[in-house]
Amino acid sequence: MPKKKLSDEVVEQWPEVMDEIDIQVVPIQYMKAVEISFTDGKTWVMDLDHDLIENPNDTAQELEESLEELLDEYQDSIEGVNFVVDIAKVKADVTKRTKFFLKKRK
């Protein structure tokens, strides 16, 4: 599977970390939306409201299945798919876990 680089917009939010990251998987709790761009100029946005998610594992599976279905159905007219990541949440979680890890090592 080819590695995906983060967009410049994302890297600008936390350049000292994000500039060197290659994407393999994005956990659903860090996704804000999925944007699907079509060749006719239209864009569909699937917002992920995490307050409404009861079981993240089921939701991730449902999202994957829905996206596969959508991509199969519209594959000839899709120009691109963008996964919008909540960088502020990623940064907060990484910082919190790093502090915890470093405290434990003292």
PDB file of N, CA and C in Angstrom:
ATOM      1  N   MET A   1       0.843  -1.174   0.000  1.00  0.00           N
ATOM      2  CA  MET A   1       0.000   0.000   0.000  1.00  0.00           C
ATOM      3  C   MET A   1       0.891   1.241   0.000  1.00  0.00           C
ATOM      4  N   PRO A   2       0.674   2.184  -0.922  1.00  0.00           N
ATOM      5  CA  PRO A   2       1.512   3.377  -0.962  1.00  0.00           C
ATOM      6  C   PRO A   2       1.235   4.266   0.241  1.00  0.00           C
ATOM      7  N   LYS A   3       2.280   4.929   0.714  1.00  0.00           N
ATOM      8  CA  LYS A   3       2.138   5.828   1.845  1.00  0.00           C
ATOM      9  C   LYS A   3       1.563   7.147   1.372  1.00  0.00           C
ATOM     10  N   LYS A   4       0.768   7.781   2.212  1.00  0.00           N
ATOM     11  CA  LYS A   4       0.150   9.064   1.896  1.00  0.00           C
ATOM     12  C   LYS A   4       0.774  10.132   2.778  1.00  0.00           C
ATOM     13  N   LYS A   5       1.204  11.218   2.184  1.00  0.00           N
ATOM     14  CA  LYS A   5       1.719  12.356   2.939  1.00  0.00           C
ATOM     15  C   LYS A   5       0.539  13.226   3.345  1.00  0.00           C
ATOM     16  N   LEU A   6       0.682  13.898   4.463  1.00  0.00           N
ATOM     17  CA  LEU A   6      -0.347  14.823   4.914  1.00  0.00           C
ATOM     18  C   LEU A   6      -0.332  16.077   4.057  1.00  0.00           C
ATOM     19  N   SER A   7      -1.478  16.739   3.976  1.00  0.00           N
ATOM     20  CA  SER A   7      -1.559  17.973   3.199  1.00  0.00           C
ATOM     21  C   SER A   7      -0.758  19.073   3.890  1.00  0.00           C
ATOM     22  N   ASP A   8      -0.348  20.076   3.113  1.00  0.00           N
ATOM     23  CA  ASP A   8       0.404  21.201   3.671  1.00  0.00           C
ATOM     24  C   ASP A   8      -0.390  21.910   4.757  1.00  0.00           C
ATOM     25  N   GLU A   9      -1.706  21.983   4.587  1.00  0.00           N
ATOM     26  CA  GLU A   9      -2.577  22.636   5.573  1.00  0.00           C
ATOM     27  C   GLU A   9      -2.483  21.936   6.930  1.00  0.00           C
ATOM     28  N   VAL A  10      -2.462  20.613   6.920  1.00  0.00           N
ATOM     29  CA  VAL A  10      -2.360  19.842   8.157  1.00  0.00           C
ATOM     30  C   VAL A  10      -0.976  20.013   8.767  1.00  0.00           C
ATOM     31  N   VAL A  11       0.055  19.932   7.953  1.00  0.00           N
ATOM     32  CA  VAL A  11       1.434  20.050   8.437  1.00  0.00           C
ATOM     33  C   VAL A  11       1.652  21.405   9.099  1.00  0.00           C
ATOM     34  N   GLU A  12       1.051  22.458   8.571  1.00  0.00           N
ATOM     35  CA  GLU A  12       1.213  23.804   9.131  1.00  0.00           C
ATOM     36  C   GLU A  12       0.712  23.901  10.564  1.00  0.00           C
ATOM     37  N   GLN A  13      -0.239  23.047  10.965  1.00  0.00           N
ATOM     38  CA  GLN A  13      -0.806  23.099  12.305  1.00  0.00           C
ATOM     39  C   GLN A  13       0.131  22.533  13.368  1.00  0.00           C
ATOM     40  N   TRP A  14       1.038  21.647  12.979  1.00  0.00           N
ATOM     41  CA  TRP A  14       1.976  21.031  13.931  1.00  0.00           C
ATOM     42  C   TRP A  14       3.191  20.548  13.146  1.00  0.00           C
ATOM     43  N   PRO A  15       3.935  21.476  12.535  1.00  0.00           N
ATOM     44  CA  PRO A  15       4.986  21.124  11.577  1.00  0.00           C
ATOM     45  C   PRO A  15       6.114  20.266  12.133  1.00  0.00           C
ATOM     46  N   GLU A  16       6.474  20.458  13.388  1.00  0.00           N
ATOM     47  CA  GLU A  16       7.599  19.705  13.943  1.00  0.00           C
ATOM     48  C   GLU A  16       7.327  18.210  14.042  1.00  0.00           C
ATOM     49  N   VAL A  17       6.068  17.827  13.983  1.00  0.00           N
ATOM     50  CA  VAL A  17       5.711  16.407  14.037  1.00  0.00           C
ATOM     51  C   VAL A  17       5.112  15.937  12.709  1.00  0.00           C
ATOM     52  N   MET A  18       4.164  16.678  12.199  1.00  0.00           N
ATOM     53  CA  MET A  18       3.379  16.229  11.051  1.00  0.00           C
ATOM     54  C   MET A  18       4.147  16.181   9.737  1.00  0.00           C
ATOM     55  N   ASP A  19       5.217  16.929   9.615  1.00  0.00           N
ATOM     56  CA  ASP A  19       5.964  16.965   8.359  1.00  0.00           C
ATOM     57  C   ASP A  19       6.584  15.615   8.011  1.00  0.00           C
ATOM     58  N   GLU A  20       6.846  14.799   8.993  1.00  0.00           N
ATOM     59  CA  GLU A  20       7.539  13.526   8.766  1.00  0.00           C
ATOM     60  C   GLU A  20       6.621  12.308   8.791  1.00  0.00           C
ATOM     61  N   ILE A  21       5.332  12.511   8.879  1.00  0.00           N
ATOM     62  CA  ILE A  21       4.399  11.389   9.024  1.00  0.00           C
ATOM     63  C   ILE A  21       3.879  10.912   7.673  1.00  0.00           C
ATOM     64  N   ASP A  22       3.877   9.598   7.505  1.00  0.00           N
ATOM     65  CA  ASP A  22       3.236   8.954   6.365  1.00  0.00           C
ATOM     66  C   ASP A  22       2.003   8.237   6.903  1.00  0.00           C
ATOM     67  N   ILE A  23       0.878   8.419   6.239  1.00  0.00           N
ATOM     68  CA  ILE A  23      -0.400   7.876   6.712  1.00  0.00           C
ATOM     69  C   ILE A  23      -0.583   6.438   6.231  1.00  0.00           C
ATOM     70  N   GLN A  24      -0.924   5.562   7.138  1.00  0.00           N
ATOM     71  CA  GLN A  24      -1.321   4.197   6.815  1.00  0.00           C
ATOM     72  C   GLN A  24      -2.789   3.990   7.210  1.00  0.00           C
ATOM     73  N   VAL A  25      -3.130   4.434   8.437  1.00  0.00           N
ATOM     74  CA  VAL A  25      -4.474   4.260   8.980  1.00  0.00           C
ATOM     75  C   VAL A  25      -4.806   5.489   9.814  1.00  0.00           C
ATOM     76  N   VAL A  26      -6.048   5.935   9.740  1.00  0.00           N
ATOM     77  CA  VAL A  26      -6.507   7.032  10.584  1.00  0.00           C
ATOM     78  C   VAL A  26      -7.639   6.493  11.448  1.00  0.00           C
ATOM     79  N   PRO A  27      -7.438   6.400  12.770  1.00  0.00           N
ATOM     80  CA  PRO A  27      -8.535   5.949  13.638  1.00  0.00           C
ATOM     81  C   PRO A  27      -9.726   6.899  13.528  1.00  0.00           C
ATOM     82  N   ILE A  28     -10.904   6.328  13.572  1.00  0.00           N
ATOM     83  CA  ILE A  28     -12.117   7.115  13.350  1.00  0.00           C
ATOM     84  C   ILE A  28     -12.269   8.238  14.364  1.00  0.00           C
ATOM     85  N   GLN A  29     -11.763   8.066  15.592  1.00  0.00           N
ATOM     86  CA  GLN A  29     -11.933   9.120  16.593  1.00  0.00           C
ATOM     87  C   GLN A  29     -11.159  10.390  16.233  1.00  0.00           C
ATOM     88  N   TYR A  30     -10.233  10.310  15.272  1.00  0.00           N
ATOM     89  CA  TYR A  30      -9.481  11.480  14.838  1.00  0.00           C
ATOM     90  C   TYR A  30      -9.997  12.072  13.523  1.00  0.00           C
ATOM     91  N   MET A  31     -11.021  11.478  12.962  1.00  0.00           N
ATOM     92  CA  MET A  31     -11.572  11.975  11.701  1.00  0.00           C
ATOM     93  C   MET A  31     -12.746  12.912  11.977  1.00  0.00           C
ATOM     94  N   LYS A  32     -12.738  14.058  11.298  1.00  0.00           N
ATOM     95  CA  LYS A  32     -13.844  15.004  11.421  1.00  0.00           C
ATOM     96  C   LYS A  32     -14.841  14.838  10.286  1.00  0.00           C
ATOM     97  N   ALA A  33     -14.331  14.483   9.098  1.00  0.00           N
ATOM     98  CA  ALA A  33     -15.212  14.370   7.936  1.00  0.00           C
ATOM     99  C   ALA A  33     -14.504  13.624   6.814  1.00  0.00           C
ATOM    100  N   VAL A  34     -15.292  13.220   5.839  1.00  0.00           N
ATOM    101  CA  VAL A  34     -14.774  12.643   4.599  1.00  0.00           C
ATOM    102  C   VAL A  34     -15.352  13.492   3.473  1.00  0.00           C
ATOM    103  N   GLU A  35     -14.474  14.042   2.646  1.00  0.00           N
ATOM    104  CA  GLU A  35     -14.898  14.879   1.520  1.00  0.00           C
ATOM    105  C   GLU A  35     -14.646  14.115   0.222  1.00  0.00           C
ATOM    106  N   ILE A  36     -15.690  14.015  -0.596  1.00  0.00           N
ATOM    107  CA  ILE A  36     -15.581  13.313  -1.866  1.00  0.00           C
ATOM    108  C   ILE A  36     -15.803  14.321  -2.982  1.00  0.00           C
ATOM    109  N   SER A  37     -14.783  14.514  -3.811  1.00  0.00           N
ATOM    110  CA  SER A  37     -14.848  15.472  -4.928  1.00  0.00           C
ATOM    111  C   SER A  37     -15.155  14.724  -6.210  1.00  0.00           C
ATOM    112  N   PHE A  38     -16.065  15.288  -7.000  1.00  0.00           N
ATOM    113  CA  PHE A  38     -16.474  14.670  -8.247  1.00  0.00           C
ATOM    114  C   PHE A  38     -15.948  15.469  -9.440  1.00  0.00           C
ATOM    115  N   THR A  39     -15.881  14.813 -10.571  1.00  0.00           N
ATOM    116  CA  THR A  39     -15.345  15.437 -11.779  1.00  0.00           C
ATOM    117  C   THR A  39     -16.217  16.595 -12.267  1.00  0.00           C
ATOM    118  N   ASP A  40     -17.485  16.641 -11.856  1.00  0.00           N
ATOM    119  CA  ASP A  40     -18.368  17.739 -12.273  1.00  0.00           C
ATOM    120  C   ASP A  40     -18.238  18.970 -11.361  1.00  0.00           C
ATOM    121  N   GLY A  41     -17.303  18.915 -10.403  1.00  0.00           N
ATOM    122  CA  GLY A  41     -17.067  20.046  -9.511  1.00  0.00           C
ATOM    123  C   GLY A  41     -17.818  19.975  -8.190  1.00  0.00           C
ATOM    124  N   LYS A  42     -18.738  19.049  -8.058  1.00  0.00           N
ATOM    125  CA  LYS A  42     -19.487  18.903  -6.803  1.00  0.00           C
ATOM    126  C   LYS A  42     -18.623  18.212  -5.761  1.00  0.00           C
ATOM    127  N   THR A  43     -18.911  18.502  -4.486  1.00  0.00           N
ATOM    128  CA  THR A  43     -18.229  17.853  -3.374  1.00  0.00           C
ATOM    129  C   THR A  43     -19.271  17.410  -2.359  1.00  0.00           C
ATOM    130  N   TRP A  44     -19.193  16.159  -1.955  1.00  0.00           N
ATOM    131  CA  TRP A  44     -20.043  15.652  -0.892  1.00  0.00           C
ATOM    132  C   TRP A  44     -19.200  15.592   0.366  1.00  0.00           C
ATOM    133  N   VAL A  45     -19.778  16.016   1.487  1.00  0.00           N
ATOM    134  CA  VAL A  45     -19.069  15.982   2.760  1.00  0.00           C
ATOM    135  C   VAL A  45     -19.852  15.102   3.729  1.00  0.00           C
ATOM    136  N   MET A  46     -19.165  14.100   4.254  1.00  0.00           N
ATOM    137  CA  MET A  46     -19.751  13.225   5.272  1.00  0.00           C
ATOM    138  C   MET A  46     -19.158  13.657   6.611  1.00  0.00           C
ATOM    139  N   ASP A  47     -19.935  14.445   7.391  1.00  0.00           N
ATOM    140  CA  ASP A  47     -19.477  14.882   8.701  1.00  0.00           C
ATOM    141  C   ASP A  47     -19.588  13.724   9.687  1.00  0.00           C
ATOM    142  N   LEU A  48     -18.583  13.608  10.545  1.00  0.00           N
ATOM    143  CA  LEU A  48     -18.595  12.564  11.570  1.00  0.00           C
ATOM    144  C   LEU A  48     -18.803  13.233  12.919  1.00  0.00           C
ATOM    145  N   ASP A  49     -20.016  13.165  13.427  1.00  0.00           N
ATOM    146  CA  ASP A  49     -20.341  13.767  14.721  1.00  0.00           C
ATOM    147  C   ASP A  49     -20.049  12.732  15.805  1.00  0.00           C
ATOM    148  N   HIS A  50     -18.921  12.897  16.467  1.00  0.00           N
ATOM    149  CA  HIS A  50     -18.479  11.909  17.453  1.00  0.00           C
ATOM    150  C   HIS A  50     -19.366  11.854  18.692  1.00  0.00           C
ATOM    151  N   ASP A  51     -20.146  12.896  18.935  1.00  0.00           N
ATOM    152  CA  ASP A  51     -21.069  12.879  20.066  1.00  0.00           C
ATOM    153  C   ASP A  51     -22.188  11.861  19.856  1.00  0.00           C
ATOM    154  N   LEU A  52     -22.461  11.532  18.587  1.00  0.00           N
ATOM    155  CA  LEU A  52     -23.542  10.596  18.281  1.00  0.00           C
ATOM    156  C   LEU A  52     -23.058   9.153  18.123  1.00  0.00           C
ATOM    157  N   ILE A  53     -21.754   8.951  18.169  1.00  0.00           N
ATOM    158  CA  ILE A  53     -21.186   7.620  17.973  1.00  0.00           C
ATOM    159  C   ILE A  53     -21.222   6.847  19.288  1.00  0.00           C
ATOM    160  N   GLU A  54     -21.988   5.758  19.304  1.00  0.00           N
ATOM    161  CA  GLU A  54     -22.094   4.946  20.512  1.00  0.00           C
ATOM    162  C   GLU A  54     -20.990   3.905  20.591  1.00  0.00           C
ATOM    163  N   ASN A  55     -20.712   3.234  19.472  1.00  0.00           N
ATOM    164  CA  ASN A  55     -19.693   2.192  19.450  1.00  0.00           C
ATOM    165  C   ASN A  55     -18.738   2.478  18.296  1.00  0.00           C
ATOM    166  N   PRO A  56     -17.556   3.036  18.597  1.00  0.00           N
ATOM    167  CA  PRO A  56     -16.615   3.408  17.532  1.00  0.00           C
ATOM    168  C   PRO A  56     -16.218   2.259  16.606  1.00  0.00           C
ATOM    169  N   ASN A  57     -16.126   1.032  17.134  1.00  0.00           N
ATOM    170  CA  ASN A  57     -15.753  -0.112  16.294  1.00  0.00           C
ATOM    171  C   ASN A  57     -16.823  -0.400  15.240  1.00  0.00           C
ATOM    172  N   ASP A  58     -18.094  -0.388  15.660  1.00  0.00           N
ATOM    173  CA  ASP A  58     -19.190  -0.600  14.708  1.00  0.00           C
ATOM    174  C   ASP A  58     -19.253   0.540  13.701  1.00  0.00           C
ATOM    175  N   THR A  59     -19.073   1.757  14.186  1.00  0.00           N
ATOM    176  CA  THR A  59     -19.139   2.924  13.317  1.00  0.00           C
ATOM    177  C   THR A  59     -18.029   2.890  12.277  1.00  0.00           C
ATOM    178  N   ALA A  60     -16.835   2.496  12.678  1.00  0.00           N
ATOM    179  CA  ALA A  60     -15.716   2.400  11.736  1.00  0.00           C
ATOM    180  C   ALA A  60     -16.036   1.393  10.645  1.00  0.00           C
ATOM    181  N   GLN A  61     -16.603   0.255  11.023  1.00  0.00           N
ATOM    182  CA  GLN A  61     -16.971  -0.772  10.057  1.00  0.00           C
ATOM    183  C   GLN A  61     -18.057  -0.263   9.116  1.00  0.00           C
ATOM    184  N   GLU A  62     -19.056   0.403   9.671  1.00  0.00           N
ATOM    185  CA  GLU A  62     -20.147   0.953   8.863  1.00  0.00           C
ATOM    186  C   GLU A  62     -19.625   2.009   7.892  1.00  0.00           C
ATOM    187  N   LEU A  63     -18.736   2.869   8.370  1.00  0.00           N
ATOM    188  CA  LEU A  63     -18.160   3.909   7.516  1.00  0.00           C
ATOM    189  C   LEU A  63     -17.371   3.279   6.372  1.00  0.00           C
ATOM    190  N   GLU A  64     -16.572   2.288   6.686  1.00  0.00           N
ATOM    191  CA  GLU A  64     -15.784   1.607   5.654  1.00  0.00           C
ATOM    192  C   GLU A  64     -16.685   0.979   4.598  1.00  0.00           C
ATOM    193  N   GLU A  65     -17.736   0.305   5.043  1.00  0.00           N
ATOM    194  CA  GLU A  65     -18.663  -0.333   4.106  1.00  0.00           C
ATOM    195  C   GLU A  65     -19.390   0.703   3.254  1.00  0.00           C
ATOM    196  N   SER A  66     -19.830   1.789   3.869  1.00  0.00           N
ATOM    197  CA  SER A  66     -20.528   2.850   3.131  1.00  0.00           C
ATOM    198  C   SER A  66     -19.619   3.485   2.090  1.00  0.00           C
ATOM    199  N   LEU A  67     -18.367   3.754   2.480  1.00  0.00           N
ATOM    200  CA  LEU A  67     -17.413   4.347   1.544  1.00  0.00           C
ATOM    201  C   LEU A  67     -17.111   3.409   0.380  1.00  0.00           C
ATOM    202  N   GLU A  68     -16.915   2.127   0.685  1.00  0.00           N
ATOM    203  CA  GLU A  68     -16.650   1.152  -0.380  1.00  0.00           C
ATOM    204  C   GLU A  68     -17.796   1.124  -1.373  1.00  0.00           C
ATOM    205  N   GLU A  69     -19.020   1.106  -0.847  1.00  0.00           N
ATOM    206  CA  GLU A  69     -20.214   1.082  -1.695  1.00  0.00           C
ATOM    207  C   GLU A  69     -20.278   2.338  -2.567  1.00  0.00           C
ATOM    208  N   LEU A  70     -20.066   3.492  -1.945  1.00  0.00           N
ATOM    209  CA  LEU A  70     -20.107   4.764  -2.652  1.00  0.00           C
ATOM    210  C   LEU A  70     -19.019   4.842  -3.719  1.00  0.00           C
ATOM    211  N   LEU A  71     -17.798   4.432  -3.370  1.00  0.00           N
ATOM    212  CA  LEU A  71     -16.689   4.487  -4.317  1.00  0.00           C
ATOM    213  C   LEU A  71     -16.909   3.538  -5.490  1.00  0.00           C
ATOM    214  N   ASP A  72     -17.469   2.370  -5.209  1.00  0.00           N
ATOM    215  CA  ASP A  72     -17.773   1.428  -6.291  1.00  0.00           C
ATOM    216  C   ASP A  72     -18.827   1.994  -7.237  1.00  0.00           C
ATOM    217  N   GLU A  73     -19.871   2.590  -6.655  1.00  0.00           N
ATOM    218  CA  GLU A  73     -20.983   3.094  -7.460  1.00  0.00           C
ATOM    219  C   GLU A  73     -20.582   4.307  -8.314  1.00  0.00           C
ATOM    220  N   TYR A  74     -19.756   5.187  -7.761  1.00  0.00           N
ATOM    221  CA  TYR A  74     -19.419   6.435  -8.448  1.00  0.00           C
ATOM    222  C   TYR A  74     -17.966   6.504  -8.917  1.00  0.00           C
ATOM    223  N   GLN A  75     -17.285   5.380  -8.998  1.00  0.00           N
ATOM    224  CA  GLN A  75     -15.845   5.377  -9.287  1.00  0.00           C
ATOM    225  C   GLN A  75     -15.450   6.138 -10.554  1.00  0.00           C
ATOM    226  N   ASP A  76     -16.291   6.121 -11.549  1.00  0.00           N
ATOM    227  CA  ASP A  76     -15.957   6.808 -12.807  1.00  0.00           C
ATOM    228  C   ASP A  76     -16.070   8.331 -12.704  1.00  0.00           C
ATOM    229  N   SER A  77     -16.807   8.828 -11.713  1.00  0.00           N
ATOM    230  CA  SER A  77     -16.992  10.271 -11.605  1.00  0.00           C
ATOM    231  C   SER A  77     -16.335  10.889 -10.367  1.00  0.00           C
ATOM    232  N   ILE A  78     -15.617  10.086  -9.580  1.00  0.00           N
ATOM    233  CA  ILE A  78     -14.937  10.607  -8.391  1.00  0.00           C
ATOM    234  C   ILE A  78     -13.545  11.083  -8.767  1.00  0.00           C
ATOM    235  N   GLU A  79     -13.258  12.322  -8.385  1.00  0.00           N
ATOM    236  CA  GLU A  79     -11.948  12.906  -8.650  1.00  0.00           C
ATOM    237  C   GLU A  79     -10.991  12.657  -7.484  1.00  0.00           C
ATOM    238  N   GLY A  80     -11.518  12.697  -6.249  1.00  0.00           N
ATOM    239  CA  GLY A  80     -10.656  12.494  -5.092  1.00  0.00           C
ATOM    240  C   GLY A  80     -11.445  12.339  -3.808  1.00  0.00           C
ATOM    241  N   VAL A  81     -10.773  11.777  -2.804  1.00  0.00           N
ATOM    242  CA  VAL A  81     -11.365  11.595  -1.480  1.00  0.00           C
ATOM    243  C   VAL A  81     -10.378  12.167  -0.465  1.00  0.00           C
ATOM    244  N   ASN A  82     -10.887  13.006   0.430  1.00  0.00           N
ATOM    245  CA  ASN A  82     -10.059  13.637   1.444  1.00  0.00           C
ATOM    246  C   ASN A  82     -10.617  13.293   2.823  1.00  0.00           C
ATOM    247  N   PHE A  83      -9.763  12.734   3.667  1.00  0.00           N
ATOM    248  CA  PHE A  83     -10.151  12.440   5.045  1.00  0.00           C
ATOM    249  C   PHE A  83      -9.690  13.625   5.895  1.00  0.00           C
ATOM    250  N   VAL A  84     -10.651  14.338   6.480  1.00  0.00           N
ATOM    251  CA  VAL A  84     -10.343  15.517   7.285  1.00  0.00           C
ATOM    252  C   VAL A  84     -10.041  15.057   8.710  1.00  0.00           C
ATOM    253  N   VAL A  85      -8.813  15.320   9.145  1.00  0.00           N
ATOM    254  CA  VAL A  85      -8.336  14.853  10.444  1.00  0.00           C
ATOM    255  C   VAL A  85      -8.394  15.993  11.455  1.00  0.00           C
ATOM    256  N   ASP A  86      -8.799  15.672  12.676  1.00  0.00           N
ATOM    257  CA  ASP A  86      -8.838  16.639  13.772  1.00  0.00           C
ATOM    258  C   ASP A  86      -7.439  16.705  14.393  1.00  0.00           C
ATOM    259  N   ILE A  87      -6.585  17.550  13.828  1.00  0.00           N
ATOM    260  CA  ILE A  87      -5.185  17.640  14.258  1.00  0.00           C
ATOM    261  C   ILE A  87      -5.085  18.117  15.701  1.00  0.00           C
ATOM    262  N   ALA A  88      -5.980  18.991  16.130  1.00  0.00           N
ATOM    263  CA  ALA A  88      -5.944  19.461  17.516  1.00  0.00           C
ATOM    264  C   ALA A  88      -6.133  18.293  18.484  1.00  0.00           C
ATOM    265  N   LYS A  89      -7.036  17.368  18.153  1.00  0.00           N
ATOM    266  CA  LYS A  89      -7.257  16.191  19.005  1.00  0.00           C
ATOM    267  C   LYS A  89      -6.045  15.265  18.968  1.00  0.00           C
ATOM    268  N   VAL A  90      -5.475  15.059  17.790  1.00  0.00           N
ATOM    269  CA  VAL A  90      -4.275  14.220  17.677  1.00  0.00           C
ATOM    270  C   VAL A  90      -3.156  14.822  18.533  1.00  0.00           C
ATOM    271  N   LYS A  91      -2.954  16.114  18.394  1.00  0.00           N
ATOM    272  CA  LYS A  91      -1.886  16.793  19.140  1.00  0.00           C
ATOM    273  C   LYS A  91      -2.119  16.674  20.642  1.00  0.00           C
ATOM    274  N   ALA A  92      -3.341  16.908  21.094  1.00  0.00           N
ATOM    275  CA  ALA A  92      -3.660  16.820  22.524  1.00  0.00           C
ATOM    276  C   ALA A  92      -3.416  15.412  23.051  1.00  0.00           C
ATOM    277  N   ASP A  93      -3.866  14.396  22.312  1.00  0.00           N
ATOM    278  CA  ASP A  93      -3.688  13.012  22.762  1.00  0.00           C
ATOM    279  C   ASP A  93      -2.221  12.594  22.774  1.00  0.00           C
ATOM    280  N   VAL A  94      -1.479  12.969  21.746  1.00  0.00           N
ATOM    281  CA  VAL A  94      -0.056  12.608  21.685  1.00  0.00           C
ATOM    282  C   VAL A  94       0.700  13.301  22.815  1.00  0.00           C
ATOM    283  N   THR A  95       0.413  14.562  23.050  1.00  0.00           N
ATOM    284  CA  THR A  95       1.077  15.304  24.121  1.00  0.00           C
ATOM    285  C   THR A  95       0.765  14.686  25.485  1.00  0.00           C
ATOM    286  N   LYS A  96      -0.501  14.381  25.721  1.00  0.00           N
ATOM    287  CA  LYS A  96      -0.924  13.781  26.991  1.00  0.00           C
ATOM    288  C   LYS A  96      -0.243  12.430  27.214  1.00  0.00           C
ATOM    289  N   ARG A  97      -0.235  11.596  26.185  1.00  0.00           N
ATOM    290  CA  ARG A  97       0.361  10.261  26.332  1.00  0.00           C
ATOM    291  C   ARG A  97       1.874  10.325  26.462  1.00  0.00           C
ATOM    292  N   THR A  98       2.491  11.287  25.813  1.00  0.00           N
ATOM    293  CA  THR A  98       3.941  11.452  25.917  1.00  0.00           C
ATOM    294  C   THR A  98       4.309  11.877  27.330  1.00  0.00           C
ATOM    295  N   LYS A  99       3.569  12.837  27.893  1.00  0.00           N
ATOM    296  CA  LYS A  99       3.833  13.275  29.271  1.00  0.00           C
ATOM    297  C   LYS A  99       3.655  12.116  30.244  1.00  0.00           C
ATOM    298  N   PHE A 100       2.607  11.336  30.063  1.00  0.00           N
ATOM    299  CA  PHE A 100       2.366  10.183  30.926  1.00  0.00           C
ATOM    300  C   PHE A 100       3.512   9.180  30.826  1.00  0.00           C
ATOM    301  N   PHE A 101       3.936   8.900  29.610  1.00  0.00           N
ATOM    302  CA  PHE A 101       5.021   7.950  29.382  1.00  0.00           C
ATOM    303  C   PHE A 101       6.312   8.439  30.026  1.00  0.00           C
ATOM    304  N   LEU A 102       6.629   9.705  29.851  1.00  0.00           N
ATOM    305  CA  LEU A 102       7.869  10.247  30.406  1.00  0.00           C
ATOM    306  C   LEU A 102       7.838  10.292  31.931  1.00  0.00           C
ATOM    307  N   LYS A 103       6.659  10.556  32.521  1.00  0.00           N
ATOM    308  CA  LYS A 103       6.511  10.538  33.982  1.00  0.00           C
ATOM    309  C   LYS A 103       6.764   9.140  34.532  1.00  0.00           C
ATOM    310  N   LYS A 104       6.244   8.157  33.842  1.00  0.00           N
ATOM    311  CA  LYS A 104       6.369   6.770  34.267  1.00  0.00           C
ATOM    312  C   LYS A 104       7.832   6.313  34.257  1.00  0.00           C
ATOM    313  N   ARG A 105       8.624   6.849  33.378  1.00  0.00           N
ATOM    314  CA  ARG A 105      10.014   6.439  33.213  1.00  0.00           C
ATOM    315  C   ARG A 105      10.951   7.047  34.239  1.00  0.00           C
ATOM    316  N   LYS A 106      10.473   8.015  35.025  1.00  0.00           N
ATOM    317  CA  LYS A 106      11.357   8.677  36.010  1.00  0.00           C
ATOM    318  C   LYS A 106      11.583   7.829  37.217  1.00  0.00           C
TER     319      LYS A 106
END
